[in-house]
Amino acid sequence: MSLFDGKKIIIIGDRDGIPGPAIEECIKTTGGEVVFSSTECFV
């Protein structure tokens, strides 16, 4: 059983750090459901 099993997850990635789609791919392997994923630029 994973920490994310059955959870709905919102991902906000950083353009200069880890982008949202990269985090999303990692979360998908843990059983979590990604309901929103975005990459933002925080300036």
PDB file of N, CA and C in Angstrom:
ATOM      1  N   MET A   1       0.842  -1.179   0.000  1.00  0.00           N
ATOM      2  CA  MET A   1       0.000   0.000   0.000  1.00  0.00           C
ATOM      3  C   MET A   1       0.889   1.244   0.000  1.00  0.00           C
ATOM      4  N   SER A   2       0.568   2.143  -0.907  1.00  0.00           N
ATOM      5  CA  SER A   2       1.332   3.372  -1.065  1.00  0.00           C
ATOM      6  C   SER A   2       0.669   4.527  -0.316  1.00  0.00           C
ATOM      7  N   LEU A   3       1.451   5.535  -0.035  1.00  0.00           N
ATOM      8  CA  LEU A   3       0.945   6.739   0.616  1.00  0.00           C
ATOM      9  C   LEU A   3      -0.110   7.434  -0.252  1.00  0.00           C
ATOM     10  N   PHE A   4      -0.013   7.274  -1.574  1.00  0.00           N
ATOM     11  CA  PHE A   4      -0.894   7.969  -2.504  1.00  0.00           C
ATOM     12  C   PHE A   4      -2.032   7.108  -3.044  1.00  0.00           C
ATOM     13  N   ASP A   5      -2.185   5.879  -2.621  1.00  0.00           N
ATOM     14  CA  ASP A   5      -3.261   5.008  -3.111  1.00  0.00           C
ATOM     15  C   ASP A   5      -4.619   5.645  -2.863  1.00  0.00           C
ATOM     16  N   GLY A   6      -5.402   5.813  -3.940  1.00  0.00           N
ATOM     17  CA  GLY A   6      -6.752   6.343  -3.817  1.00  0.00           C
ATOM     18  C   GLY A   6      -6.843   7.834  -3.552  1.00  0.00           C
ATOM     19  N   LYS A   7      -5.740   8.546  -3.615  1.00  0.00           N
ATOM     20  CA  LYS A   7      -5.737   9.994  -3.354  1.00  0.00           C
ATOM     21  C   LYS A   7      -5.829  10.758  -4.669  1.00  0.00           C
ATOM     22  N   LYS A   8      -6.454  11.931  -4.628  1.00  0.00           N
ATOM     23  CA  LYS A   8      -6.487  12.848  -5.758  1.00  0.00           C
ATOM     24  C   LYS A   8      -5.402  13.893  -5.516  1.00  0.00           C
ATOM     25  N   ILE A   9      -4.594  14.136  -6.544  1.00  0.00           N
ATOM     26  CA  ILE A   9      -3.393  14.948  -6.359  1.00  0.00           C
ATOM     27  C   ILE A   9      -3.372  16.117  -7.336  1.00  0.00           C
ATOM     28  N   ILE A  10      -2.994  17.296  -6.834  1.00  0.00           N
ATOM     29  CA  ILE A  10      -2.776  18.493  -7.649  1.00  0.00           C
ATOM     30  C   ILE A  10      -1.279  18.756  -7.660  1.00  0.00           C
ATOM     31  N   ILE A  11      -0.728  18.946  -8.862  1.00  0.00           N
ATOM     32  CA  ILE A  11       0.721  19.149  -9.006  1.00  0.00           C
ATOM     33  C   ILE A  11       0.978  20.534  -9.584  1.00  0.00           C
ATOM     34  N   ILE A  12       1.845  21.301  -8.930  1.00  0.00           N
ATOM     35  CA  ILE A  12       2.304  22.579  -9.472  1.00  0.00           C
ATOM     36  C   ILE A  12       3.826  22.510  -9.542  1.00  0.00           C
ATOM     37  N   GLY A  13       4.330  22.355 -10.760  1.00  0.00           N
ATOM     38  CA  GLY A  13       5.764  22.279 -10.968  1.00  0.00           C
ATOM     39  C   GLY A  13       6.355  23.660 -11.193  1.00  0.00           C
ATOM     40  N   ASP A  14       7.668  23.723 -11.224  1.00  0.00           N
ATOM     41  CA  ASP A  14       8.389  24.976 -11.413  1.00  0.00           C
ATOM     42  C   ASP A  14       9.193  24.890 -12.704  1.00  0.00           C
ATOM     43  N   ARG A  15       9.132  25.949 -13.512  1.00  0.00           N
ATOM     44  CA  ARG A  15       9.829  25.953 -14.803  1.00  0.00           C
ATOM     45  C   ARG A  15      11.335  25.768 -14.635  1.00  0.00           C
ATOM     46  N   ASP A  16      11.923  26.374 -13.613  1.00  0.00           N
ATOM     47  CA  ASP A  16      13.361  26.279 -13.392  1.00  0.00           C
ATOM     48  C   ASP A  16      13.739  25.120 -12.476  1.00  0.00           C
ATOM     49  N   GLY A  17      12.753  24.427 -11.954  1.00  0.00           N
ATOM     50  CA  GLY A  17      12.997  23.291 -11.058  1.00  0.00           C
ATOM     51  C   GLY A  17      12.506  22.008 -11.719  1.00  0.00           C
ATOM     52  N   ILE A  18      11.573  21.352 -11.075  1.00  0.00           N
ATOM     53  CA  ILE A  18      11.019  20.108 -11.613  1.00  0.00           C
ATOM     54  C   ILE A  18       9.669  20.428 -12.242  1.00  0.00           C
ATOM     55  N   PRO A  19       9.510  20.188 -13.551  1.00  0.00           N
ATOM     56  CA  PRO A  19       8.252  20.493 -14.229  1.00  0.00           C
ATOM     57  C   PRO A  19       7.125  19.545 -13.816  1.00  0.00           C
ATOM     58  N   GLY A  20       5.897  20.030 -13.917  1.00  0.00           N
ATOM     59  CA  GLY A  20       4.724  19.265 -13.537  1.00  0.00           C
ATOM     60  C   GLY A  20       4.618  17.891 -14.179  1.00  0.00           C
ATOM     61  N   PRO A  21       4.824  17.758 -15.502  1.00  0.00           N
ATOM     62  CA  PRO A  21       4.696  16.441 -16.133  1.00  0.00           C
ATOM     63  C   PRO A  21       5.681  15.396 -15.585  1.00  0.00           C
ATOM     64  N   ALA A  22       6.861  15.833 -15.164  1.00  0.00           N
ATOM     65  CA  ALA A  22       7.830  14.896 -14.583  1.00  0.00           C
ATOM     66  C   ALA A  22       7.331  14.370 -13.239  1.00  0.00           C
ATOM     67  N   ILE A  23       6.762  15.263 -12.425  1.00  0.00           N
ATOM     68  CA  ILE A  23       6.210  14.848 -11.137  1.00  0.00           C
ATOM     69  C   ILE A  23       5.005  13.942 -11.369  1.00  0.00           C
ATOM     70  N   GLU A  24       4.191  14.293 -12.374  1.00  0.00           N
ATOM     71  CA  GLU A  24       2.996  13.498 -12.695  1.00  0.00           C
ATOM     72  C   GLU A  24       3.357  12.059 -13.047  1.00  0.00           C
ATOM     73  N   GLU A  25       4.384  11.863 -13.828  1.00  0.00           N
ATOM     74  CA  GLU A  25       4.807  10.507 -14.195  1.00  0.00           C
ATOM     75  C   GLU A  25       5.241   9.707 -12.975  1.00  0.00           C
ATOM     76  N   CYS A  26       5.892  10.346 -12.036  1.00  0.00           N
ATOM     77  CA  CYS A  26       6.297   9.662 -10.804  1.00  0.00           C
ATOM     78  C   CYS A  26       5.089   9.293  -9.952  1.00  0.00           C
ATOM     79  N   ILE A  27       4.129  10.192  -9.835  1.00  0.00           N
ATOM     80  CA  ILE A  27       2.940   9.951  -9.023  1.00  0.00           C
ATOM     81  C   ILE A  27       2.089   8.828  -9.616  1.00  0.00           C
ATOM     82  N   LYS A  28       2.002   8.762 -10.938  1.00  0.00           N
ATOM     83  CA  LYS A  28       1.195   7.718 -11.588  1.00  0.00           C
ATOM     84  C   LYS A  28       1.658   6.317 -11.202  1.00  0.00           C
ATOM     85  N   THR A  29       2.934   6.154 -10.939  1.00  0.00           N
ATOM     86  CA  THR A  29       3.454   4.828 -10.579  1.00  0.00           C
ATOM     87  C   THR A  29       3.134   4.453  -9.139  1.00  0.00           C
ATOM     88  N   THR A  30       2.657   5.426  -8.330  1.00  0.00           N
ATOM     89  CA  THR A  30       2.363   5.148  -6.927  1.00  0.00           C
ATOM     90  C   THR A  30       0.900   4.863  -6.665  1.00  0.00           C
ATOM     91  N   GLY A  31       0.051   4.997  -7.695  1.00  0.00           N
ATOM     92  CA  GLY A  31      -1.368   4.709  -7.519  1.00  0.00           C
ATOM     93  C   GLY A  31      -2.220   5.925  -7.254  1.00  0.00           C
ATOM     94  N   GLY A  32      -1.647   7.110  -7.253  1.00  0.00           N
ATOM     95  CA  GLY A  32      -2.415   8.332  -7.044  1.00  0.00           C
ATOM     96  C   GLY A  32      -3.093   8.777  -8.324  1.00  0.00           C
ATOM     97  N   GLU A  33      -4.164   9.538  -8.196  1.00  0.00           N
ATOM     98  CA  GLU A  33      -4.890  10.063  -9.353  1.00  0.00           C
ATOM     99  C   GLU A  33      -4.581  11.548  -9.492  1.00  0.00           C
ATOM    100  N   VAL A  34      -3.910  11.928 -10.576  1.00  0.00           N
ATOM    101  CA  VAL A  34      -3.563  13.324 -10.816  1.00  0.00           C
ATOM    102  C   VAL A  34      -4.771  14.008 -11.455  1.00  0.00           C
ATOM    103  N   VAL A  35      -5.346  14.989 -10.764  1.00  0.00           N
ATOM    104  CA  VAL A  35      -6.516  15.696 -11.279  1.00  0.00           C
ATOM    105  C   VAL A  35      -6.136  17.022 -11.937  1.00  0.00           C
ATOM    106  N   PHE A  36      -4.944  17.541 -11.615  1.00  0.00           N
ATOM    107  CA  PHE A  36      -4.468  18.775 -12.223  1.00  0.00           C
ATOM    108  C   PHE A  36      -2.945  18.791 -12.169  1.00  0.00           C
ATOM    109  N   SER A  37      -2.340  19.150 -13.303  1.00  0.00           N
ATOM    110  CA  SER A  37      -0.883  19.250 -13.355  1.00  0.00           C
ATOM    111  C   SER A  37      -0.512  20.466 -14.190  1.00  0.00           C
ATOM    112  N   SER A  38       0.378  21.305 -13.667  1.00  0.00           N
ATOM    113  CA  SER A  38       0.774  22.509 -14.364  1.00  0.00           C
ATOM    114  C   SER A  38       2.226  22.823 -14.035  1.00  0.00           C
ATOM    115  N   THR A  39       2.862  23.544 -14.947  1.00  0.00           N
ATOM    116  CA  THR A  39       4.212  24.046 -14.711  1.00  0.00           C
ATOM    117  C   THR A  39       4.132  25.564 -14.756  1.00  0.00           C
ATOM    118  N   GLU A  40       4.544  26.212 -13.700  1.00  0.00           N
ATOM    119  CA  GLU A  40       4.437  27.661 -13.581  1.00  0.00           C
ATOM    120  C   GLU A  40       5.836  28.280 -13.532  1.00  0.00           C
ATOM    121  N   CYS A  41       5.896  29.574 -13.835  1.00  0.00           N
ATOM    122  CA  CYS A  41       7.133  30.340 -13.730  1.00  0.00           C
ATOM    123  C   CYS A  41       6.966  31.330 -12.589  1.00  0.00           C
ATOM    124  N   PHE A  42       7.712  31.109 -11.499  1.00  0.00           N
ATOM    125  CA  PHE A  42       7.615  31.978 -10.337  1.00  0.00           C
ATOM    126  C   PHE A  42       8.747  33.005 -10.392  1.00  0.00           C
ATOM    127  N   VAL A  43       8.413  34.225 -10.787  1.00  0.00           N
ATOM    128  CA  VAL A  43       9.407  35.280 -10.920  1.00  0.00           C
ATOM    129  C   VAL A  43       9.124  36.366  -9.932  1.00  0.00           C
TER     130      VAL A  43
END
